[in-house]
C-alpha atoms as a PDB file:
ATOM      1  CA  MET A   1     -12.227  23.301 -46.999  1.00  0.00           C
ATOM      2  CA  ARG A   2     -11.175  19.700 -47.493  1.00  0.00           C
ATOM      3  CA  LYS A   3     -10.381  17.680 -44.383  1.00  0.00           C
ATOM      4  CA  LYS A   4      -7.065  15.859 -44.006  1.00  0.00           C
ATOM      5  CA  ALA A   5      -6.832  12.111 -43.336  1.00  0.00           C
ATOM      6  CA  LEU A   6      -3.819   9.913 -42.688  1.00  0.00           C
ATOM      7  CA  ILE A   7      -4.329   6.202 -43.338  1.00  0.00           C
ATOM      8  CA  THR A   8      -1.623   3.783 -42.267  1.00  0.00           C
ATOM      9  CA  GLY A   9      -1.043   0.720 -44.398  1.00  0.00           C
ATOM     10  CA  SER A  10      -3.050   2.179 -47.266  1.00  0.00           C
ATOM     11  CA  GLY A  11      -1.253   0.599 -50.200  1.00  0.00           C
ATOM     12  CA  ARG A  12      -3.617  -2.366 -50.379  1.00  0.00           C
ATOM     13  CA  GLY A  13      -6.789  -3.971 -49.024  1.00  0.00           C
ATOM     14  CA  ILE A  14      -9.078  -2.028 -46.711  1.00  0.00           C
ATOM     15  CA  GLY A  15      -6.610   0.856 -46.370  1.00  0.00           C
ATOM     16  CA  ARG A  16      -6.475   1.327 -50.128  1.00  0.00           C
ATOM     17  CA  ALA A  17     -10.248   1.261 -50.435  1.00  0.00           C
ATOM     18  CA  ALA A  18     -10.622   3.702 -47.532  1.00  0.00           C
ATOM     19  CA  ALA A  19      -8.183   6.142 -49.138  1.00  0.00           C
ATOM     20  CA  ILE A  20     -10.201   6.208 -52.356  1.00  0.00           C
ATOM     21  CA  GLU A  21     -13.581   6.415 -50.596  1.00  0.00           C
ATOM     22  CA  LEU A  22     -12.513   9.260 -48.307  1.00  0.00           C
ATOM     23  CA  ALA A  23     -10.937  11.140 -51.210  1.00  0.00           C
ATOM     24  CA  ARG A  24     -14.310  10.868 -52.923  1.00  0.00           C
ATOM     25  CA  ARG A  25     -15.966  12.312 -49.818  1.00  0.00           C
ATOM     26  CA  GLY A  26     -13.814  15.400 -49.522  1.00  0.00           C
ATOM     27  CA  TYR A  27     -10.576  14.419 -47.773  1.00  0.00           C
ATOM     28  CA  ASP A  28      -6.991  14.964 -48.835  1.00  0.00           C
ATOM     29  CA  ILE A  29      -5.128  11.749 -48.072  1.00  0.00           C
ATOM     30  CA  GLY A  30      -1.842  10.740 -46.511  1.00  0.00           C
ATOM     31  CA  ILE A  31      -0.988   7.306 -47.922  1.00  0.00           C
ATOM     32  CA  ASN A  32       1.355   5.348 -45.688  1.00  0.00           C
ATOM     33  CA  TYR A  33       3.277   2.258 -46.743  1.00  0.00           C
ATOM     34  CA  SER A  34       6.165   0.266 -45.367  1.00  0.00           C
ATOM     35  CA  ARG A  35       7.359  -1.959 -48.215  1.00  0.00           C
ATOM     36  CA  SER A  36       5.426  -1.542 -51.477  1.00  0.00           C
ATOM     37  CA  GLU A  37       6.035   1.921 -52.906  1.00  0.00           C
ATOM     38  CA  LYS A  38       4.563   0.874 -56.254  1.00  0.00           C
ATOM     39  CA  ALA A  39       1.209  -0.005 -54.669  1.00  0.00           C
ATOM     40  CA  ALA A  40       1.178   3.251 -52.690  1.00  0.00           C
ATOM     41  CA  GLN A  41       1.873   5.306 -55.806  1.00  0.00           C
ATOM     42  CA  GLU A  42      -1.000   3.557 -57.587  1.00  0.00           C
ATOM     43  CA  VAL A  43      -3.314   4.533 -54.733  1.00  0.00           C
ATOM     44  CA  SER A  44      -1.978   8.082 -54.962  1.00  0.00           C
ATOM     45  CA  LYS A  45      -3.078   8.300 -58.603  1.00  0.00           C
ATOM     46  CA  LEU A  46      -6.549   6.981 -57.752  1.00  0.00           C
ATOM     47  CA  VAL A  47      -6.891   9.467 -54.892  1.00  0.00           C
ATOM     48  CA  GLU A  48      -5.833  12.307 -57.174  1.00  0.00           C
ATOM     49  CA  ALA A  49      -8.399  11.182 -59.741  1.00  0.00           C
ATOM     50  CA  GLU A  50     -11.083  11.829 -57.111  1.00  0.00           C
ATOM     51  CA  GLY A  51      -9.990  15.466 -56.865  1.00  0.00           C
ATOM     52  CA  ALA A  52      -7.990  15.030 -53.655  1.00  0.00           C
ATOM     53  CA  GLN A  53      -4.402  15.874 -52.819  1.00  0.00           C
ATOM     54  CA  PRO A  54      -2.351  12.747 -52.029  1.00  0.00           C
ATOM     55  CA  LEU A  55       0.832  12.464 -50.015  1.00  0.00           C
ATOM     56  CA  VAL A  56       2.766   9.185 -50.051  1.00  0.00           C
ATOM     57  CA  ILE A  57       4.805   8.554 -46.897  1.00  0.00           C
ATOM     58  CA  LYS A  58       7.060   5.575 -46.238  1.00  0.00           C
ATOM     59  CA  ALA A  59       7.152   4.640 -42.549  1.00  0.00           C
ATOM     60  CA  ASP A  60       7.284   1.536 -40.391  1.00  0.00           C
ATOM     61  CA  VAL A  61       4.612   2.152 -37.751  1.00  0.00           C
ATOM     62  CA  GLY A  62       6.305  -0.395 -35.513  1.00  0.00           C
ATOM     63  CA  LYS A  63       8.994   2.246 -34.879  1.00  0.00           C
ATOM     64  CA  VAL A  64       8.114   5.366 -32.908  1.00  0.00           C
ATOM     65  CA  SER A  65      10.831   7.349 -34.700  1.00  0.00           C
ATOM     66  CA  ASP A  66       9.156   6.546 -38.041  1.00  0.00           C
ATOM     67  CA  ILE A  67       5.744   7.486 -36.623  1.00  0.00           C
ATOM     68  CA  LYS A  68       7.012  10.920 -35.534  1.00  0.00           C
ATOM     69  CA  ARG A  69       8.596  11.540 -38.925  1.00  0.00           C
ATOM     70  CA  MET A  70       5.443  10.428 -40.751  1.00  0.00           C
ATOM     71  CA  PHE A  71       3.245  12.847 -38.839  1.00  0.00           C
ATOM     72  CA  SER A  72       5.757  15.659 -39.284  1.00  0.00           C
ATOM     73  CA  GLU A  73       5.717  15.153 -43.061  1.00  0.00           C
ATOM     74  CA  PHE A  74       1.923  14.994 -43.053  1.00  0.00           C
ATOM     75  CA  VAL A  75       1.451  18.217 -41.066  1.00  0.00           C
ATOM     76  CA  GLU A  76       4.156  20.007 -43.043  1.00  0.00           C
ATOM     77  CA  ARG A  77       2.144  19.295 -46.199  1.00  0.00           C
ATOM     78  CA  PHE A  78      -1.421  19.662 -44.943  1.00  0.00           C
ATOM     79  CA  GLY A  79      -1.177  21.886 -41.861  1.00  0.00           C
ATOM     80  CA  GLN A  80      -3.320  19.717 -39.608  1.00  0.00           C
ATOM     81  CA  ILE A  81      -4.843  16.269 -39.218  1.00  0.00           C
ATOM     82  CA  ASP A  82      -8.602  15.735 -39.006  1.00  0.00           C
ATOM     83  CA  LEU A  83      -8.718  11.963 -39.225  1.00  0.00           C
ATOM     84  CA  LEU A  84      -6.384   9.076 -38.465  1.00  0.00           C
ATOM     85  CA  ILE A  85      -7.218   5.571 -39.605  1.00  0.00           C
ATOM     86  CA  ASN A  86      -4.961   3.067 -37.861  1.00  0.00           C
ATOM     87  CA  ASN A  87      -5.159   0.411 -40.545  1.00  0.00           C
ATOM     88  CA  ALA A  88      -1.606  -0.953 -40.792  1.00  0.00           C
ATOM     89  CA  GLY A  89      -1.357  -4.497 -39.531  1.00  0.00           C
ATOM     90  CA  ILE A  90       0.097  -7.933 -40.094  1.00  0.00           C
ATOM     91  CA  SER A  91      -1.363 -11.329 -39.324  1.00  0.00           C
ATOM     92  CA  LYS A  92       1.011 -14.210 -38.724  1.00  0.00           C
ATOM     93  CA  PHE A  93      -0.016 -17.419 -37.063  1.00  0.00           C
ATOM     94  CA  LYS A  94       1.766 -20.214 -35.227  1.00  0.00           C
ATOM     95  CA  PRO A  95       0.764 -22.733 -32.537  1.00  0.00           C
ATOM     96  CA  PHE A  96       1.050 -21.219 -29.064  1.00  0.00           C
ATOM     97  CA  ILE A  97       3.704 -23.684 -27.881  1.00  0.00           C
ATOM     98  CA  LYS A  98       5.906 -22.789 -30.877  1.00  0.00           C
ATOM     99  CA  VAL A  99       5.652 -18.992 -30.755  1.00  0.00           C
ATOM    100  CA  ASP A 100       8.997 -17.278 -30.173  1.00  0.00           C
ATOM    101  CA  GLU A 101       9.833 -13.766 -29.027  1.00  0.00           C
ATOM    102  CA  ALA A 102      10.680 -12.569 -32.536  1.00  0.00           C
ATOM    103  CA  LEU A 103       7.236 -13.418 -33.902  1.00  0.00           C
ATOM    104  CA  TRP A 104       5.487 -11.947 -30.848  1.00  0.00           C
ATOM    105  CA  ASP A 105       7.466  -8.712 -31.222  1.00  0.00           C
ATOM    106  CA  GLU A 106       6.836  -8.500 -34.971  1.00  0.00           C
ATOM    107  CA  VAL A 107       3.046  -8.785 -34.747  1.00  0.00           C
ATOM    108  CA  THR A 108       2.532  -6.640 -31.672  1.00  0.00           C
ATOM    109  CA  ALA A 109       4.910  -3.925 -32.899  1.00  0.00           C
ATOM    110  CA  ILE A 110       2.707  -3.201 -35.918  1.00  0.00           C
ATOM    111  CA  ASP A 111      -0.762  -4.143 -34.722  1.00  0.00           C
ATOM    112  CA  TRP A 112      -0.615  -2.825 -31.160  1.00  0.00           C
ATOM    113  CA  LYS A 113       2.390  -0.584 -30.545  1.00  0.00           C
ATOM    114  CA  GLY A 114       1.927   1.151 -33.893  1.00  0.00           C
ATOM    115  CA  THR A 115      -1.765   1.719 -33.283  1.00  0.00           C
ATOM    116  CA  TYR A 116      -1.068   3.119 -29.823  1.00  0.00           C
ATOM    117  CA  PHE A 117       1.620   5.613 -30.760  1.00  0.00           C
ATOM    118  CA  CYS A 118       0.015   6.701 -34.039  1.00  0.00           C
ATOM    119  CA  ALA A 119      -3.163   7.473 -32.097  1.00  0.00           C
ATOM    120  CA  GLN A 120      -1.148   9.339 -29.480  1.00  0.00           C
ATOM    121  CA  ARG A 121       0.639  11.528 -32.030  1.00  0.00           C
ATOM    122  CA  ALA A 122      -2.571  12.244 -33.931  1.00  0.00           C
ATOM    123  CA  ALA A 123      -4.306  13.248 -30.690  1.00  0.00           C
ATOM    124  CA  GLN A 124      -1.428  15.519 -29.694  1.00  0.00           C
ATOM    125  CA  LEU A 125      -1.605  17.333 -33.029  1.00  0.00           C
ATOM    126  CA  MET A 126      -5.391  17.602 -32.956  1.00  0.00           C
ATOM    127  CA  ILE A 127      -5.250  19.147 -29.479  1.00  0.00           C
ATOM    128  CA  GLU A 128      -2.435  21.499 -30.506  1.00  0.00           C
ATOM    129  CA  LYS A 129      -4.403  22.713 -33.549  1.00  0.00           C
ATOM    130  CA  GLU A 130      -7.771  22.612 -31.711  1.00  0.00           C
ATOM    131  CA  VAL A 131      -9.160  20.146 -34.243  1.00  0.00           C
ATOM    132  CA  ARG A 132     -12.228  18.162 -33.228  1.00  0.00           C
ATOM    133  CA  GLY A 133     -10.977  15.134 -35.087  1.00  0.00           C
ATOM    134  CA  VAL A 134     -11.538  11.400 -35.252  1.00  0.00           C
ATOM    135  CA  ILE A 135      -9.270   8.411 -34.606  1.00  0.00           C
ATOM    136  CA  LEU A 136     -10.464   5.115 -36.063  1.00  0.00           C
ATOM    137  CA  ASN A 137      -8.662   1.930 -35.014  1.00  0.00           C
ATOM    138  CA  MET A 138      -8.725  -1.380 -36.836  1.00  0.00           C
ATOM    139  CA  SER A 139      -9.589  -4.325 -34.622  1.00  0.00           C
ATOM    140  CA  SER A 140     -10.885  -7.692 -35.874  1.00  0.00           C
ATOM    141  CA  ASN A 141     -13.631 -10.147 -35.043  1.00  0.00           C
ATOM    142  CA  GLN A 142     -10.753 -12.250 -33.708  1.00  0.00           C
ATOM    143  CA  LYS A 143     -10.943 -10.031 -30.621  1.00  0.00           C
ATOM    144  CA  ASP A 144     -13.887 -12.248 -29.646  1.00  0.00           C
ATOM    145  CA  GLY A 145     -13.528 -15.427 -31.710  1.00  0.00           C
ATOM    146  CA  CYS A 146     -10.722 -17.907 -31.132  1.00  0.00           C
ATOM    147  CA  TRP A 147      -8.946 -19.128 -34.234  1.00  0.00           C
ATOM    148  CA  PRO A 148      -6.281 -21.843 -33.999  1.00  0.00           C
ATOM    149  CA  THR A 149      -2.690 -20.525 -33.958  1.00  0.00           C
ATOM    150  CA  SER A 150      -3.907 -16.962 -33.269  1.00  0.00           C
ATOM    151  CA  SER A 151      -2.670 -16.485 -29.703  1.00  0.00           C
ATOM    152  CA  ILE A 152      -0.801 -13.285 -30.659  1.00  0.00           C
ATOM    153  CA  TYR A 153      -3.045 -11.686 -33.272  1.00  0.00           C
ATOM    154  CA  GLY A 154      -6.389 -12.228 -31.524  1.00  0.00           C
ATOM    155  CA  PRO A 155      -5.380 -10.805 -28.115  1.00  0.00           C
ATOM    156  CA  THR A 156      -3.647  -7.914 -29.869  1.00  0.00           C
ATOM    157  CA  LYS A 157      -6.875  -6.993 -31.658  1.00  0.00           C
ATOM    158  CA  ALA A 158      -8.752  -7.277 -28.362  1.00  0.00           C
ATOM    159  CA  ALA A 159      -6.252  -4.824 -26.894  1.00  0.00           C
ATOM    160  CA  VAL A 160      -6.963  -2.390 -29.733  1.00  0.00           C
ATOM    161  CA  ALA A 161     -10.704  -2.480 -29.015  1.00  0.00           C
ATOM    162  CA  LYS A 162     -10.173  -1.898 -25.281  1.00  0.00           C
ATOM    163  CA  PHE A 163      -7.617   0.823 -25.959  1.00  0.00           C
ATOM    164  CA  THR A 164     -10.169   2.632 -28.117  1.00  0.00           C
ATOM    165  CA  LYS A 165     -12.505   2.931 -25.129  1.00  0.00           C
ATOM    166  CA  HIS A 166      -9.771   4.405 -22.969  1.00  0.00           C
ATOM    167  CA  ILE A 167      -8.716   7.081 -25.423  1.00  0.00           C
ATOM    168  CA  ALA A 168     -12.328   7.923 -26.265  1.00  0.00           C
ATOM    169  CA  MET A 169     -12.853   8.817 -22.616  1.00  0.00           C
ATOM    170  CA  GLU A 170      -9.634  10.808 -22.296  1.00  0.00           C
ATOM    171  CA  LEU A 171     -10.043  12.701 -25.567  1.00  0.00           C
ATOM    172  CA  ALA A 172     -13.736  13.543 -25.264  1.00  0.00           C
ATOM    173  CA  PRO A 173     -13.056  16.830 -23.419  1.00  0.00           C
ATOM    174  CA  TYR A 174     -11.164  17.997 -26.522  1.00  0.00           C
ATOM    175  CA  GLY A 175     -14.018  17.079 -28.856  1.00  0.00           C
ATOM    176  CA  ILE A 176     -12.004  14.230 -30.354  1.00  0.00           C
ATOM    177  CA  ARG A 177     -13.819  10.983 -31.078  1.00  0.00           C
ATOM    178  CA  ALA A 178     -12.285   7.500 -31.110  1.00  0.00           C
ATOM    179  CA  ALA A 179     -13.926   4.408 -32.546  1.00  0.00           C
ATOM    180  CA  ALA A 180     -12.936   0.999 -33.861  1.00  0.00           C
ATOM    181  CA  ILE A 181     -14.217  -1.517 -36.339  1.00  0.00           C
ATOM    182  CA  SER A 182     -13.832  -5.281 -36.283  1.00  0.00           C
ATOM    183  CA  PRO A 183     -13.963  -6.707 -39.795  1.00  0.00           C
ATOM    184  CA  GLY A 184     -14.212 -10.424 -40.395  1.00  0.00           C
ATOM    185  CA  TYR A 185     -13.200 -12.254 -43.565  1.00  0.00           C
ATOM    186  CA  THR A 186     -12.496  -9.597 -46.188  1.00  0.00           C
ATOM    187  CA  ASP A 187     -11.553 -10.514 -49.743  1.00  0.00           C
ATOM    188  CA  VAL A 188      -8.124  -9.006 -50.289  1.00  0.00           C
ATOM    189  CA  GLY A 189      -7.338 -11.142 -53.335  1.00  0.00           C
ATOM    190  CA  TRP A 190      -6.488 -14.522 -51.855  1.00  0.00           C
ATOM    191  CA  PRO A 191      -5.357 -17.176 -54.387  1.00  0.00           C
ATOM    192  CA  GLU A 192      -8.042 -19.673 -55.328  1.00  0.00           C
ATOM    193  CA  ASP A 193      -6.187 -22.507 -53.578  1.00  0.00           C
ATOM    194  CA  ASN A 194      -5.998 -20.644 -50.251  1.00  0.00           C
ATOM    195  CA  PRO A 195      -7.762 -22.685 -47.516  1.00  0.00           C
ATOM    196  CA  VAL A 196      -9.496 -19.499 -46.332  1.00  0.00           C
ATOM    197  CA  HIS A 197     -12.128 -20.048 -49.025  1.00  0.00           C
ATOM    198  CA  GLU A 198     -13.413 -23.051 -47.081  1.00  0.00           C
ATOM    199  CA  ALA A 199     -14.821 -20.634 -44.503  1.00  0.00           C
ATOM    200  CA  LYS A 200     -17.211 -18.894 -46.906  1.00  0.00           C
ATOM    201  CA  ASP A 201     -20.107 -21.345 -46.620  1.00  0.00           C
ATOM    202  CA  LYS A 202     -19.881 -21.286 -42.826  1.00  0.00           C
ATOM    203  CA  ILE A 203     -20.563 -17.546 -42.683  1.00  0.00           C
ATOM    204  CA  PRO A 204     -24.290 -16.800 -42.271  1.00  0.00           C
ATOM    205  CA  LEU A 205     -24.251 -14.323 -45.195  1.00  0.00           C
ATOM    206  CA  LYS A 206     -22.338 -16.904 -47.289  1.00  0.00           C
ATOM    207  CA  ARG A 207     -19.719 -14.495 -48.602  1.00  0.00           C
ATOM    208  CA  PHE A 208     -16.673 -12.451 -47.706  1.00  0.00           C
ATOM    209  CA  ALA A 209     -16.721  -8.680 -47.355  1.00  0.00           C
ATOM    210  CA  THR A 210     -15.153  -6.516 -50.023  1.00  0.00           C
ATOM    211  CA  PRO A 211     -12.630  -3.849 -48.995  1.00  0.00           C
ATOM    212  CA  GLU A 212     -14.908  -1.275 -50.611  1.00  0.00           C
ATOM    213  CA  GLU A 213     -17.887  -2.017 -48.383  1.00  0.00           C
ATOM    214  CA  ILE A 214     -15.695  -1.897 -45.270  1.00  0.00           C
ATOM    215  CA  ALA A 215     -14.387   1.453 -46.533  1.00  0.00           C
ATOM    216  CA  ARG A 216     -17.931   2.778 -46.849  1.00  0.00           C
ATOM    217  CA  VAL A 217     -18.610   1.839 -43.230  1.00  0.00           C
ATOM    218  CA  ILE A 218     -15.423   3.639 -42.183  1.00  0.00           C
ATOM    219  CA  ALA A 219     -16.371   6.762 -44.126  1.00  0.00           C
ATOM    220  CA  THR A 220     -19.796   6.790 -42.485  1.00  0.00           C
ATOM    221  CA  LEU A 221     -18.511   6.247 -38.935  1.00  0.00           C
ATOM    222  CA  VAL A 222     -16.017   9.103 -39.162  1.00  0.00           C
ATOM    223  CA  SER A 223     -18.607  11.497 -40.600  1.00  0.00           C
ATOM    224  CA  ASP A 224     -20.687  14.002 -38.659  1.00  0.00           C
ATOM    225  CA  ASP A 225     -23.632  11.603 -38.940  1.00  0.00           C
ATOM    226  CA  PHE A 226     -21.969   9.663 -36.101  1.00  0.00           C
ATOM    227  CA  ALA A 227     -20.831  12.685 -34.109  1.00  0.00           C
ATOM    228  CA  TYR A 228     -22.318  11.266 -30.886  1.00  0.00           C
ATOM    229  CA  MET A 229     -20.584   7.887 -31.167  1.00  0.00           C
ATOM    230  CA  THR A 230     -17.282   7.419 -29.382  1.00  0.00           C
ATOM    231  CA  GLY A 231     -15.563   4.470 -27.722  1.00  0.00           C
ATOM    232  CA  SER A 232     -17.553   1.884 -29.679  1.00  0.00           C
ATOM    233  CA  CYS A 233     -16.226  -1.032 -31.705  1.00  0.00           C
ATOM    234  CA  LEU A 234     -18.432  -2.141 -34.588  1.00  0.00           C
ATOM    235  CA  ASP A 235     -18.355  -5.748 -35.813  1.00  0.00           C
ATOM    236  CA  ILE A 236     -18.557  -6.159 -39.590  1.00  0.00           C
ATOM    237  CA  ASP A 237     -18.176  -9.887 -40.234  1.00  0.00           C
ATOM    238  CA  GLY A 238     -21.300 -11.113 -42.005  1.00  0.00           C
ATOM    239  CA  GLY A 239     -22.355 -12.867 -38.807  1.00  0.00           C
ATOM    240  CA  ALA A 240     -19.266 -15.097 -38.815  1.00  0.00           C
ATOM    241  CA  LEU A 241     -19.189 -15.346 -35.016  1.00  0.00           C
ATOM    242  CA  LEU A 242     -22.905 -16.057 -34.598  1.00  0.00           C
ATOM    243  CA  PRO A 243     -23.059 -19.841 -35.200  1.00  0.00           C
ATOM    244  CA  ILE A 244     -22.348 -22.237 -32.359  1.00  0.00           C
ATOM    245  CA  ILE A 245     -22.335 -26.024 -32.319  1.00  0.00           C
ATOM    246  CA  THR A 246     -25.786 -27.216 -31.232  1.00  0.00           C
ATOM    247  CA  GLU A 247     -27.424 -30.587 -31.504  1.00  0.00           C
ATOM    248  CA  ASN A 248     -30.331 -29.335 -33.611  1.00  0.00           C
ATOM    249  CA  ASP A 249     -27.988 -27.795 -36.187  1.00  0.00           C
ATOM    250  CA  LEU A 250     -26.411 -31.116 -37.025  1.00  0.00           C
ATOM    251  CA  ASN A 251     -29.350 -32.635 -38.899  1.00  0.00           C
ATOM    252  CA  THR A 252     -31.566 -29.661 -39.697  1.00  0.00           C
ATOM    253  CA  ASP A 253     -31.933 -27.991 -43.077  1.00  0.00           C
ATOM    254  CA  TRP A 254     -32.498 -24.403 -41.981  1.00  0.00           C
ATOM    255  CA  SER A 255     -33.435 -23.389 -45.509  1.00  0.00           C
ATOM    256  CA  SER A 256     -36.603 -25.470 -45.112  1.00  0.00           C
ATOM    257  CA  VAL A 257     -39.609 -23.510 -43.890  1.00  0.00           C
ATOM    258  CA  GLU A 258     -41.225 -26.698 -42.622  1.00  0.00           C
ATOM    259  CA  ALA A 259     -38.155 -27.606 -40.559  1.00  0.00           C
ATOM    260  CA  THR A 260     -38.151 -24.160 -39.018  1.00  0.00           C
ATOM    261  CA  LYS A 261     -41.864 -24.376 -38.305  1.00  0.00           C
ATOM    262  CA  ASP A 262     -41.518 -27.788 -36.646  1.00  0.00           C
ATOM    263  CA  LEU A 263     -38.761 -26.564 -34.357  1.00  0.00           C
ATOM    264  CA  ALA A 264     -40.714 -23.440 -33.419  1.00  0.00           C
ATOM    265  CA  GLU A 265     -43.664 -25.579 -32.360  1.00  0.00           C
END
């Protein structure tokens, strides 16, 4: 019997890739979108091509009324939920001293409130149906790193990681696991002139992640291979947060074996 997964914000990026990967691995997929129906319908066709049943659901996860309706439509179609991936999110940035209430509400409504109440509704349904399911939340390596103008987004993603620990503890008696991942720079099709490309050479692995490789990590974490893992948040950022400013980095060519040998001695 195929398992049933609901993925919020699955019309593009990591959510889209996760929908296709999980369809390939035996899940029927609920595809949630808020604005782009065309993108969601394209994902639906790709999911169906993998032999899975798709269900496209429009809902704004920043509204609890929409969340309740979304889950009702999902369960009406599939009968139960085995997996929730809380992927929907927005990232908007502004200097701290210029942030207003509207921007704060907009980001936290999707990234934090939506994650919280989607997880709650999924857990309620899993308990009701006695499903030993999985809830996977999307954090970010910004939960630890401090980017300029990210005083809303970064703390929100830190809240998601901490929240995951709390629900993992509370849901364990029901056999429900909760985990989170913290992706770093992921190539979602930025224009060539986007300043984000300047970060690539500063990442230890010298590249961005692809949505598909993040999706493969997700599919592995929610599988029975990780049945004893709950409450953890896995960083997937190519080592982006590893470098620090040190005096011996300023003039050292670390690609040189001799330079490395000299420093070790």
